[in-house]
Amino acid sequence: MNNNLSSAHVGIILEEQTQLTLDDLCAACCVQTEIIIELVEEGVLIPSGGKPPQWYFSGMHIRRAKTALNLQRDLGVNIAGVALALQLLDEIKTLRAQLNKLQSKDDL
């Protein structure tokens, strides 16, 4: 029997189509509901649905929430600072994509 299988990592890929409730997201991030609600109120996370019991998040929200929580925990950044940092990271990502697109056009 191959023992390499026992040491393999098993995971689930969460796509944008994945629907997570507020409780699901809290469990995935190991935080209380109030923390996720703060992230929503600050605009860090934008769920679909009206009020917290009706909120749904995509799998991508897990990564964004964990990044926000890491900024708070590791760097002591307040929630407004987290929102700004994530906005700037999003802008950098967009600019890099535009630059790569321009560079690929130049290669033609």
N, C-alpha and C. Protein backbone atom coordinates (compact mmCIF):
# COMPACT_ATOMS: atom_id res chain seq x y z
N MET A 1 0.84 -1.19 0.00
CA MET A 1 0.00 0.00 0.00
C MET A 1 0.88 1.24 0.00
N ASN A 2 0.49 2.26 -0.70
CA ASN A 2 1.26 3.48 -0.83
C ASN A 2 1.00 4.39 0.37
N ASN A 3 2.02 4.62 1.19
CA ASN A 3 1.89 5.48 2.37
C ASN A 3 1.87 6.95 2.05
N ASN A 4 2.22 7.32 0.81
CA ASN A 4 2.19 8.73 0.43
C ASN A 4 0.78 9.30 0.47
N LEU A 5 -0.21 8.46 0.24
CA LEU A 5 -1.59 8.93 0.27
C LEU A 5 -2.00 9.40 1.65
N SER A 6 -1.45 8.77 2.69
CA SER A 6 -1.83 9.14 4.05
C SER A 6 -1.30 10.52 4.43
N SER A 7 -0.24 10.96 3.78
CA SER A 7 0.32 12.28 4.11
C SER A 7 -0.15 13.37 3.15
N ALA A 8 -0.97 13.01 2.18
CA ALA A 8 -1.46 13.99 1.21
C ALA A 8 -2.45 14.94 1.88
N HIS A 9 -2.48 16.15 1.39
CA HIS A 9 -3.43 17.15 1.88
C HIS A 9 -4.70 17.07 1.06
N VAL A 10 -5.81 17.11 1.75
CA VAL A 10 -7.10 17.07 1.08
C VAL A 10 -7.78 18.39 1.37
N GLY A 11 -8.38 18.98 0.36
CA GLY A 11 -9.06 20.26 0.54
C GLY A 11 -10.24 20.39 -0.40
N ILE A 12 -10.99 21.41 -0.16
CA ILE A 12 -12.15 21.71 -1.00
C ILE A 12 -11.89 23.04 -1.67
N ILE A 13 -12.12 23.10 -2.98
CA ILE A 13 -11.96 24.35 -3.71
C ILE A 13 -13.30 25.08 -3.67
N LEU A 14 -13.26 26.27 -3.13
CA LEU A 14 -14.47 27.08 -3.05
C LEU A 14 -14.45 28.11 -4.16
N GLU A 15 -15.38 28.00 -5.05
CA GLU A 15 -15.44 28.90 -6.18
C GLU A 15 -16.36 30.07 -5.88
N GLU A 16 -16.39 30.99 -6.80
CA GLU A 16 -17.26 32.14 -6.64
C GLU A 16 -18.73 31.75 -6.59
N GLN A 17 -19.07 30.61 -7.18
CA GLN A 17 -20.46 30.18 -7.18
C GLN A 17 -20.89 29.58 -5.84
N THR A 18 -19.95 29.27 -4.98
CA THR A 18 -20.26 28.70 -3.68
C THR A 18 -21.04 29.71 -2.85
N GLN A 19 -22.10 29.25 -2.24
CA GLN A 19 -22.92 30.13 -1.41
C GLN A 19 -22.68 29.79 0.06
N LEU A 20 -22.15 30.75 0.80
CA LEU A 20 -21.89 30.58 2.23
C LEU A 20 -22.81 31.50 3.01
N THR A 21 -23.38 30.99 4.08
CA THR A 21 -24.17 31.84 4.96
C THR A 21 -23.21 32.60 5.88
N LEU A 22 -23.76 33.52 6.64
CA LEU A 22 -22.96 34.25 7.62
C LEU A 22 -22.32 33.27 8.60
N ASP A 23 -23.08 32.30 9.06
CA ASP A 23 -22.54 31.31 9.99
C ASP A 23 -21.43 30.48 9.35
N ASP A 24 -21.59 30.13 8.08
CA ASP A 24 -20.56 29.37 7.36
C ASP A 24 -19.26 30.16 7.29
N LEU A 25 -19.38 31.44 6.95
CA LEU A 25 -18.19 32.28 6.83
C LEU A 25 -17.51 32.46 8.18
N CYS A 26 -18.31 32.66 9.22
CA CYS A 26 -17.76 32.79 10.57
C CYS A 26 -17.00 31.52 10.97
N ALA A 27 -17.58 30.37 10.67
CA ALA A 27 -16.93 29.11 11.00
C ALA A 27 -15.63 28.93 10.21
N ALA A 28 -15.67 29.28 8.93
CA ALA A 28 -14.47 29.15 8.08
C ALA A 28 -13.34 30.05 8.56
N CYS A 29 -13.69 31.21 9.11
CA CYS A 29 -12.69 32.18 9.56
C CYS A 29 -12.41 32.09 11.06
N CYS A 30 -13.16 31.22 11.75
CA CYS A 30 -13.00 31.04 13.21
C CYS A 30 -13.19 32.35 13.97
N VAL A 31 -14.24 33.10 13.60
CA VAL A 31 -14.54 34.36 14.29
C VAL A 31 -16.02 34.40 14.64
N GLN A 32 -16.34 35.32 15.52
CA GLN A 32 -17.73 35.53 15.90
C GLN A 32 -18.44 36.36 14.83
N THR A 33 -19.75 36.25 14.84
CA THR A 33 -20.59 36.93 13.86
C THR A 33 -20.33 38.43 13.83
N GLU A 34 -20.13 39.05 14.98
CA GLU A 34 -19.95 40.49 15.06
C GLU A 34 -18.75 40.96 14.24
N ILE A 35 -17.72 40.14 14.17
CA ILE A 35 -16.51 40.51 13.41
C ILE A 35 -16.84 40.60 11.92
N ILE A 36 -17.54 39.62 11.40
CA ILE A 36 -17.90 39.63 9.98
C ILE A 36 -18.86 40.78 9.69
N ILE A 37 -19.79 41.03 10.60
CA ILE A 37 -20.72 42.15 10.42
C ILE A 37 -19.95 43.47 10.35
N GLU A 38 -18.92 43.64 11.17
CA GLU A 38 -18.08 44.85 11.11
C GLU A 38 -17.41 44.97 9.74
N LEU A 39 -16.91 43.85 9.22
CA LEU A 39 -16.26 43.88 7.91
C LEU A 39 -17.25 44.28 6.82
N VAL A 40 -18.48 43.83 6.94
CA VAL A 40 -19.51 44.20 5.97
C VAL A 40 -19.85 45.68 6.12
N GLU A 41 -20.02 46.14 7.35
CA GLU A 41 -20.37 47.55 7.58
C GLU A 41 -19.30 48.49 7.07
N GLU A 42 -18.05 48.05 7.10
CA GLU A 42 -16.94 48.89 6.64
C GLU A 42 -16.73 48.76 5.13
N GLY A 43 -17.45 47.84 4.49
CA GLY A 43 -17.33 47.67 3.05
C GLY A 43 -16.23 46.71 2.62
N VAL A 44 -15.62 46.03 3.57
CA VAL A 44 -14.57 45.07 3.25
C VAL A 44 -15.17 43.86 2.55
N LEU A 45 -16.33 43.41 3.02
CA LEU A 45 -17.06 42.31 2.41
C LEU A 45 -18.42 42.82 1.95
N ILE A 46 -18.84 42.37 0.80
CA ILE A 46 -20.15 42.80 0.27
C ILE A 46 -20.96 41.54 -0.04
N PRO A 47 -21.82 41.15 0.90
CA PRO A 47 -22.63 39.95 0.68
C PRO A 47 -23.83 40.24 -0.20
N SER A 48 -24.42 39.19 -0.73
CA SER A 48 -25.72 39.34 -1.37
C SER A 48 -26.77 39.08 -0.31
N GLY A 49 -27.95 39.64 -0.50
CA GLY A 49 -29.01 39.49 0.49
C GLY A 49 -29.20 40.78 1.27
N GLY A 50 -30.32 40.87 1.97
CA GLY A 50 -30.67 42.10 2.67
C GLY A 50 -30.04 42.25 4.04
N LYS A 51 -30.52 41.50 4.99
CA LYS A 51 -30.06 41.62 6.37
C LYS A 51 -29.18 40.42 6.71
N PRO A 52 -28.42 40.49 7.81
CA PRO A 52 -27.49 39.41 8.15
C PRO A 52 -28.05 37.98 8.05
N PRO A 53 -29.25 37.70 8.50
CA PRO A 53 -29.72 36.31 8.35
C PRO A 53 -29.91 35.87 6.89
N GLN A 54 -30.01 36.84 5.98
CA GLN A 54 -30.22 36.53 4.57
C GLN A 54 -28.94 36.69 3.74
N TRP A 55 -27.84 37.05 4.37
CA TRP A 55 -26.59 37.27 3.65
C TRP A 55 -26.04 35.96 3.10
N TYR A 56 -25.47 36.07 1.91
CA TYR A 56 -24.72 34.98 1.32
C TYR A 56 -23.40 35.52 0.80
N PHE A 57 -22.37 34.72 0.97
CA PHE A 57 -21.02 35.09 0.57
C PHE A 57 -20.51 34.06 -0.41
N SER A 58 -19.60 34.47 -1.28
CA SER A 58 -18.96 33.52 -2.20
C SER A 58 -17.72 32.95 -1.52
N GLY A 59 -17.18 31.92 -2.12
CA GLY A 59 -15.95 31.33 -1.60
C GLY A 59 -14.80 32.33 -1.56
N MET A 60 -14.81 33.31 -2.47
CA MET A 60 -13.76 34.32 -2.51
C MET A 60 -13.79 35.22 -1.26
N HIS A 61 -14.94 35.32 -0.63
CA HIS A 61 -15.04 36.14 0.58
C HIS A 61 -14.21 35.55 1.73
N ILE A 62 -14.01 34.24 1.72
CA ILE A 62 -13.21 33.63 2.78
C ILE A 62 -11.79 34.18 2.73
N ARG A 63 -11.20 34.20 1.54
CA ARG A 63 -9.83 34.71 1.42
C ARG A 63 -9.75 36.18 1.81
N ARG A 64 -10.71 36.96 1.36
CA ARG A 64 -10.72 38.39 1.68
C ARG A 64 -10.89 38.62 3.19
N ALA A 65 -11.80 37.87 3.81
CA ALA A 65 -12.02 38.01 5.24
C ALA A 65 -10.78 37.60 6.02
N LYS A 66 -10.15 36.51 5.60
CA LYS A 66 -8.94 36.06 6.31
C LYS A 66 -7.80 37.06 6.15
N THR A 67 -7.68 37.65 4.98
CA THR A 67 -6.67 38.70 4.78
C THR A 67 -6.93 39.87 5.71
N ALA A 68 -8.18 40.28 5.79
CA ALA A 68 -8.56 41.40 6.68
C ALA A 68 -8.25 41.05 8.13
N LEU A 69 -8.59 39.85 8.54
CA LEU A 69 -8.36 39.43 9.92
C LEU A 69 -6.87 39.34 10.22
N ASN A 70 -6.09 38.89 9.24
CA ASN A 70 -4.63 38.84 9.43
C ASN A 70 -4.04 40.23 9.57
N LEU A 71 -4.52 41.18 8.79
CA LEU A 71 -4.04 42.56 8.92
C LEU A 71 -4.34 43.11 10.31
N GLN A 72 -5.52 42.81 10.81
CA GLN A 72 -5.88 43.27 12.15
C GLN A 72 -5.01 42.60 13.20
N ARG A 73 -4.90 41.29 13.13
CA ARG A 73 -4.17 40.53 14.15
C ARG A 73 -2.66 40.77 14.08
N ASP A 74 -2.08 40.64 12.91
CA ASP A 74 -0.63 40.68 12.79
C ASP A 74 -0.05 42.09 12.82
N LEU A 75 -0.78 43.04 12.25
CA LEU A 75 -0.25 44.41 12.15
C LEU A 75 -0.97 45.41 13.03
N GLY A 76 -2.05 44.97 13.66
CA GLY A 76 -2.80 45.88 14.53
C GLY A 76 -3.55 46.97 13.78
N VAL A 77 -3.88 46.70 12.52
CA VAL A 77 -4.58 47.68 11.70
C VAL A 77 -6.06 47.71 12.11
N ASN A 78 -6.62 48.92 12.27
CA ASN A 78 -8.04 49.01 12.62
C ASN A 78 -8.88 48.70 11.38
N ILE A 79 -10.18 48.57 11.59
CA ILE A 79 -11.08 48.13 10.52
C ILE A 79 -11.08 49.10 9.33
N ALA A 80 -11.01 50.40 9.59
CA ALA A 80 -10.95 51.37 8.50
C ALA A 80 -9.64 51.22 7.73
N GLY A 81 -8.56 50.98 8.43
CA GLY A 81 -7.27 50.76 7.78
C GLY A 81 -7.25 49.48 6.96
N VAL A 82 -7.92 48.46 7.47
CA VAL A 82 -8.05 47.21 6.73
C VAL A 82 -8.77 47.45 5.41
N ALA A 83 -9.88 48.19 5.48
CA ALA A 83 -10.65 48.49 4.27
C ALA A 83 -9.78 49.23 3.25
N LEU A 84 -9.02 50.21 3.71
CA LEU A 84 -8.14 50.97 2.82
C LEU A 84 -7.05 50.08 2.23
N ALA A 85 -6.43 49.25 3.07
CA ALA A 85 -5.36 48.36 2.60
C ALA A 85 -5.88 47.40 1.53
N LEU A 86 -7.06 46.83 1.76
CA LEU A 86 -7.62 45.91 0.78
C LEU A 86 -8.00 46.62 -0.51
N GLN A 87 -8.49 47.85 -0.40
CA GLN A 87 -8.80 48.64 -1.59
C GLN A 87 -7.53 48.88 -2.40
N LEU A 88 -6.46 49.23 -1.73
CA LEU A 88 -5.19 49.47 -2.42
C LEU A 88 -4.65 48.18 -3.05
N LEU A 89 -4.78 47.06 -2.34
CA LEU A 89 -4.34 45.78 -2.91
C LEU A 89 -5.15 45.42 -4.15
N ASP A 90 -6.46 45.72 -4.13
CA ASP A 90 -7.31 45.49 -5.30
C ASP A 90 -6.85 46.35 -6.47
N GLU A 91 -6.52 47.60 -6.19
CA GLU A 91 -6.05 48.50 -7.25
C GLU A 91 -4.72 48.02 -7.84
N ILE A 92 -3.84 47.55 -6.98
CA ILE A 92 -2.56 47.02 -7.46
C ILE A 92 -2.79 45.82 -8.36
N LYS A 93 -3.69 44.94 -7.97
CA LYS A 93 -4.02 43.77 -8.77
C LYS A 93 -4.56 44.17 -10.14
N THR A 94 -5.45 45.16 -10.16
CA THR A 94 -6.02 45.65 -11.41
C THR A 94 -4.94 46.26 -12.30
N LEU A 95 -4.07 47.07 -11.71
CA LEU A 95 -3.00 47.71 -12.48
C LEU A 95 -2.02 46.68 -13.04
N ARG A 96 -1.71 45.66 -12.25
CA ARG A 96 -0.81 44.61 -12.74
C ARG A 96 -1.44 43.86 -13.91
N ALA A 97 -2.75 43.60 -13.83
CA ALA A 97 -3.43 42.92 -14.93
C ALA A 97 -3.39 43.78 -16.19
N GLN A 98 -3.61 45.09 -16.04
CA GLN A 98 -3.56 45.99 -17.19
C GLN A 98 -2.16 46.03 -17.77
N LEU A 99 -1.15 46.07 -16.92
CA LEU A 99 0.24 46.09 -17.38
C LEU A 99 0.58 44.80 -18.12
N ASN A 100 0.16 43.67 -17.58
CA ASN A 100 0.42 42.40 -18.25
C ASN A 100 -0.26 42.34 -19.60
N LYS A 101 -1.46 42.89 -19.68
CA LYS A 101 -2.19 42.92 -20.95
C LYS A 101 -1.44 43.77 -21.97
N LEU A 102 -0.95 44.92 -21.54
CA LEU A 102 -0.19 45.80 -22.44
C LEU A 102 1.11 45.13 -22.87
N GLN A 103 1.78 44.46 -21.95
CA GLN A 103 3.03 43.80 -22.28
C GLN A 103 2.81 42.65 -23.27
N SER A 104 1.69 41.94 -23.11
CA SER A 104 1.42 40.84 -24.02
C SER A 104 1.09 41.35 -25.43
N LYS A 105 0.49 42.54 -25.53
CA LYS A 105 0.22 43.16 -26.83
C LYS A 105 1.54 43.56 -27.49
N ASP A 106 2.48 44.05 -26.69
CA ASP A 106 3.78 44.46 -27.24
C ASP A 106 4.56 43.24 -27.75
N ASP A 107 4.34 42.07 -27.16
CA ASP A 107 5.04 40.87 -27.58
C ASP A 107 4.55 40.35 -28.93
N LEU A 108 3.36 40.78 -29.34
CA LEU A 108 2.82 40.33 -30.63
C LEU A 108 3.54 41.07 -31.70
